[in-house]
N, C-alpha and C. Protein backbone atom coordinates (compact mmCIF):
# COMPACT_ATOMS: atom_id res chain seq x y z
N GLY A 1 1.68 16.35 0.21
CA GLY A 1 0.73 15.52 -0.48
C GLY A 1 0.03 16.27 -1.60
N PHE A 2 -0.72 15.55 -2.38
CA PHE A 2 -1.41 16.07 -3.55
C PHE A 2 -2.50 17.05 -3.15
N GLU A 3 -2.52 18.20 -3.80
CA GLU A 3 -3.55 19.23 -3.62
C GLU A 3 -3.83 19.55 -2.15
N GLY A 4 -2.77 19.69 -1.37
CA GLY A 4 -2.94 20.10 0.02
C GLY A 4 -3.16 18.98 1.02
N TYR A 5 -3.27 17.74 0.54
CA TYR A 5 -3.41 16.62 1.47
C TYR A 5 -2.17 16.61 2.36
N LYS A 6 -2.35 16.59 3.67
CA LYS A 6 -1.23 16.86 4.57
C LYS A 6 -0.34 15.66 4.88
N TYR A 7 -0.64 14.48 4.35
CA TYR A 7 0.18 13.31 4.63
C TYR A 7 0.86 12.83 3.35
N GLY A 8 2.13 12.47 3.44
CA GLY A 8 2.86 11.94 2.29
C GLY A 8 2.88 10.43 2.27
N THR A 9 2.45 9.80 3.37
CA THR A 9 2.41 8.34 3.44
C THR A 9 1.06 7.91 4.00
N CYS A 10 0.47 6.93 3.35
CA CYS A 10 -0.78 6.34 3.83
C CYS A 10 -0.51 4.86 4.09
N ILE A 11 -1.01 4.35 5.18
CA ILE A 11 -0.82 2.94 5.52
C ILE A 11 -2.17 2.34 5.84
N SER A 12 -2.51 1.24 5.18
CA SER A 12 -3.76 0.56 5.48
C SER A 12 -3.48 -0.92 5.69
N VAL A 13 -4.28 -1.53 6.55
CA VAL A 13 -4.10 -2.92 6.93
C VAL A 13 -5.30 -3.73 6.46
N ASN A 14 -5.01 -4.85 5.81
CA ASN A 14 -6.02 -5.78 5.32
C ASN A 14 -7.02 -5.08 4.41
N ASP A 15 -8.30 -5.07 4.75
CA ASP A 15 -9.32 -4.54 3.83
C ASP A 15 -9.71 -3.09 4.13
N GLU A 16 -8.85 -2.35 4.81
CA GLU A 16 -9.12 -0.93 5.05
C GLU A 16 -9.04 -0.16 3.73
N ILE A 17 -9.62 1.02 3.72
CA ILE A 17 -9.57 1.85 2.52
C ILE A 17 -8.12 2.15 2.14
N ALA A 18 -7.91 2.42 0.87
CA ALA A 18 -6.55 2.54 0.34
C ALA A 18 -5.77 3.70 0.94
N HIS A 19 -6.38 4.80 1.21
CA HIS A 19 -5.64 5.97 1.67
C HIS A 19 -5.94 6.28 3.13
N ASN A 20 -5.61 5.34 3.97
CA ASN A 20 -5.82 5.50 5.40
C ASN A 20 -4.62 6.20 6.02
N ILE A 21 -4.83 6.85 7.12
CA ILE A 21 -3.78 7.57 7.83
C ILE A 21 -3.27 6.66 8.95
N PRO A 22 -1.94 6.51 9.11
CA PRO A 22 -1.41 5.67 10.19
C PRO A 22 -1.97 6.08 11.55
N ARG A 23 -2.28 5.07 12.37
CA ARG A 23 -2.85 5.31 13.69
C ARG A 23 -2.03 4.60 14.76
N LYS A 24 -1.96 5.20 15.92
CA LYS A 24 -1.16 4.63 17.02
C LYS A 24 -1.81 3.40 17.64
N ASN A 25 -3.12 3.24 17.51
CA ASN A 25 -3.81 2.16 18.21
C ASN A 25 -3.97 0.89 17.36
N VAL A 26 -3.27 0.80 16.23
CA VAL A 26 -3.36 -0.39 15.37
C VAL A 26 -2.06 -1.17 15.51
N PHE A 27 -2.18 -2.44 15.84
CA PHE A 27 -1.01 -3.30 16.00
C PHE A 27 -1.08 -4.42 14.97
N LEU A 28 0.00 -4.62 14.25
CA LEU A 28 0.03 -5.65 13.22
C LEU A 28 0.15 -7.02 13.85
N LYS A 29 -0.44 -8.01 13.15
CA LYS A 29 -0.34 -9.39 13.63
C LYS A 29 0.01 -10.30 12.45
N GLU A 30 0.45 -11.47 12.78
CA GLU A 30 0.80 -12.48 11.79
C GLU A 30 -0.32 -12.65 10.78
N GLY A 31 0.04 -12.62 9.50
CA GLY A 31 -0.94 -12.83 8.44
C GLY A 31 -1.57 -11.56 7.89
N ASP A 32 -1.34 -10.42 8.52
CA ASP A 32 -1.89 -9.17 8.01
C ASP A 32 -1.25 -8.79 6.68
N LEU A 33 -2.00 -8.07 5.87
CA LEU A 33 -1.47 -7.44 4.67
C LEU A 33 -1.42 -5.94 4.94
N VAL A 34 -0.26 -5.35 4.71
CA VAL A 34 -0.06 -3.93 4.98
C VAL A 34 0.27 -3.23 3.67
N LYS A 35 -0.53 -2.22 3.33
CA LYS A 35 -0.28 -1.42 2.13
C LYS A 35 0.35 -0.11 2.55
N VAL A 36 1.50 0.20 1.94
CA VAL A 36 2.19 1.46 2.20
C VAL A 36 2.18 2.25 0.90
N ASP A 37 1.54 3.40 0.94
CA ASP A 37 1.40 4.26 -0.24
C ASP A 37 2.13 5.56 0.08
N ALA A 38 3.15 5.86 -0.72
CA ALA A 38 3.96 7.05 -0.47
C ALA A 38 3.93 7.97 -1.68
N THR A 39 3.89 9.26 -1.41
CA THR A 39 3.90 10.26 -2.47
C THR A 39 5.07 11.21 -2.28
N CYS A 40 5.42 11.85 -3.36
CA CYS A 40 6.49 12.84 -3.31
C CYS A 40 6.23 13.85 -4.42
N ASN A 41 6.51 15.10 -4.14
CA ASN A 41 6.45 16.08 -5.22
C ASN A 41 7.75 16.88 -5.20
N LEU A 42 8.25 17.14 -6.41
CA LEU A 42 9.51 17.85 -6.55
C LEU A 42 9.48 18.65 -7.84
N ASN A 43 9.65 19.94 -7.70
CA ASN A 43 9.71 20.83 -8.88
C ASN A 43 8.49 20.66 -9.80
N GLY A 44 7.32 20.49 -9.20
CA GLY A 44 6.10 20.39 -10.00
C GLY A 44 5.75 18.98 -10.46
N TYR A 45 6.60 18.00 -10.18
CA TYR A 45 6.32 16.61 -10.56
C TYR A 45 5.77 15.87 -9.35
N GLU A 46 4.76 15.06 -9.58
CA GLU A 46 4.15 14.27 -8.52
C GLU A 46 4.44 12.79 -8.76
N SER A 47 4.73 12.06 -7.70
CA SER A 47 4.90 10.61 -7.82
C SER A 47 4.04 9.93 -6.75
N ASP A 48 3.70 8.69 -7.01
CA ASP A 48 2.89 7.92 -6.08
C ASP A 48 3.26 6.46 -6.27
N SER A 49 3.57 5.79 -5.19
CA SER A 49 3.95 4.39 -5.27
C SER A 49 3.32 3.65 -4.09
N CYS A 50 2.80 2.47 -4.37
CA CYS A 50 2.18 1.68 -3.32
C CYS A 50 2.72 0.25 -3.38
N THR A 51 3.04 -0.30 -2.22
CA THR A 51 3.52 -1.67 -2.12
C THR A 51 2.77 -2.36 -1.00
N THR A 52 2.47 -3.64 -1.20
CA THR A 52 1.81 -4.45 -0.18
C THR A 52 2.82 -5.41 0.42
N TYR A 53 2.81 -5.51 1.72
CA TYR A 53 3.71 -6.41 2.44
C TYR A 53 2.87 -7.38 3.27
N GLY A 54 3.30 -8.62 3.32
CA GLY A 54 2.69 -9.60 4.20
C GLY A 54 3.45 -9.61 5.52
N VAL A 55 2.72 -9.67 6.62
CA VAL A 55 3.34 -9.73 7.94
C VAL A 55 3.52 -11.20 8.31
N GLY A 56 4.77 -11.63 8.40
CA GLY A 56 5.04 -13.03 8.74
C GLY A 56 4.49 -13.97 7.69
N GLN A 57 3.88 -15.03 8.13
CA GLN A 57 3.29 -16.03 7.24
C GLN A 57 1.88 -15.57 6.85
N ILE A 58 1.63 -15.44 5.53
CA ILE A 58 0.29 -15.04 5.07
C ILE A 58 -0.39 -16.23 4.40
N SER A 59 -1.68 -16.13 4.23
CA SER A 59 -2.44 -17.23 3.64
C SER A 59 -2.08 -17.41 2.17
N GLU A 60 -2.30 -18.61 1.65
CA GLU A 60 -2.07 -18.87 0.23
C GLU A 60 -2.94 -17.97 -0.63
N GLU A 61 -4.17 -17.74 -0.20
CA GLU A 61 -5.08 -16.87 -0.94
C GLU A 61 -4.54 -15.44 -1.02
N ASP A 62 -4.04 -14.92 0.09
CA ASP A 62 -3.48 -13.57 0.08
C ASP A 62 -2.21 -13.50 -0.76
N GLN A 63 -1.36 -14.53 -0.69
CA GLN A 63 -0.15 -14.55 -1.51
C GLN A 63 -0.52 -14.58 -2.99
N HIS A 64 -1.53 -15.37 -3.33
CA HIS A 64 -2.00 -15.44 -4.72
C HIS A 64 -2.50 -14.06 -5.18
N LEU A 65 -3.27 -13.39 -4.33
CA LEU A 65 -3.76 -12.05 -4.65
C LEU A 65 -2.60 -11.10 -4.91
N MET A 66 -1.59 -11.13 -4.06
CA MET A 66 -0.42 -10.26 -4.25
C MET A 66 0.31 -10.60 -5.56
N ASP A 67 0.44 -11.88 -5.85
CA ASP A 67 1.16 -12.30 -7.06
C ASP A 67 0.43 -11.89 -8.34
N VAL A 68 -0.88 -12.14 -8.41
CA VAL A 68 -1.61 -11.84 -9.65
C VAL A 68 -1.79 -10.33 -9.85
N THR A 69 -1.93 -9.57 -8.77
CA THR A 69 -2.06 -8.13 -8.96
C THR A 69 -0.74 -7.52 -9.41
N LYS A 70 0.38 -8.04 -8.92
CA LYS A 70 1.69 -7.56 -9.38
C LYS A 70 1.89 -7.91 -10.85
N LYS A 71 1.50 -9.13 -11.22
CA LYS A 71 1.61 -9.55 -12.62
C LYS A 71 0.74 -8.66 -13.51
N ALA A 72 -0.47 -8.38 -13.07
CA ALA A 72 -1.38 -7.52 -13.85
C ALA A 72 -0.81 -6.12 -14.00
N MET A 73 -0.17 -5.61 -12.95
CA MET A 73 0.44 -4.28 -13.03
C MET A 73 1.50 -4.26 -14.12
N TYR A 74 2.38 -5.26 -14.13
CA TYR A 74 3.44 -5.29 -15.13
C TYR A 74 2.89 -5.51 -16.54
N MET A 75 1.82 -6.28 -16.66
CA MET A 75 1.18 -6.45 -17.98
C MET A 75 0.63 -5.12 -18.46
N GLY A 76 0.07 -4.34 -17.55
CA GLY A 76 -0.46 -3.02 -17.91
C GLY A 76 0.64 -2.05 -18.30
N ILE A 77 1.79 -2.16 -17.65
CA ILE A 77 2.92 -1.29 -17.98
C ILE A 77 3.48 -1.61 -19.35
N ASP A 78 3.57 -2.91 -19.65
CA ASP A 78 4.08 -3.33 -20.97
C ASP A 78 3.12 -2.92 -22.05
């Protein structure tokens, strides 16, 4: 991980902080939003990628949030 951070993957559920550490006592349920943030470093280059997944059927509001944030990301890239 970046600057000595010992985890290369962070997983957060619903409204948890973005860089949470996976825990054994958390069980996913229908409608949850799961963010998976993975990092990699190779030969001095750092990468970071985060994707949000819906567990089963998610609410229309959550789907809308996922859609508009993805659209905003691509608008920012362009």
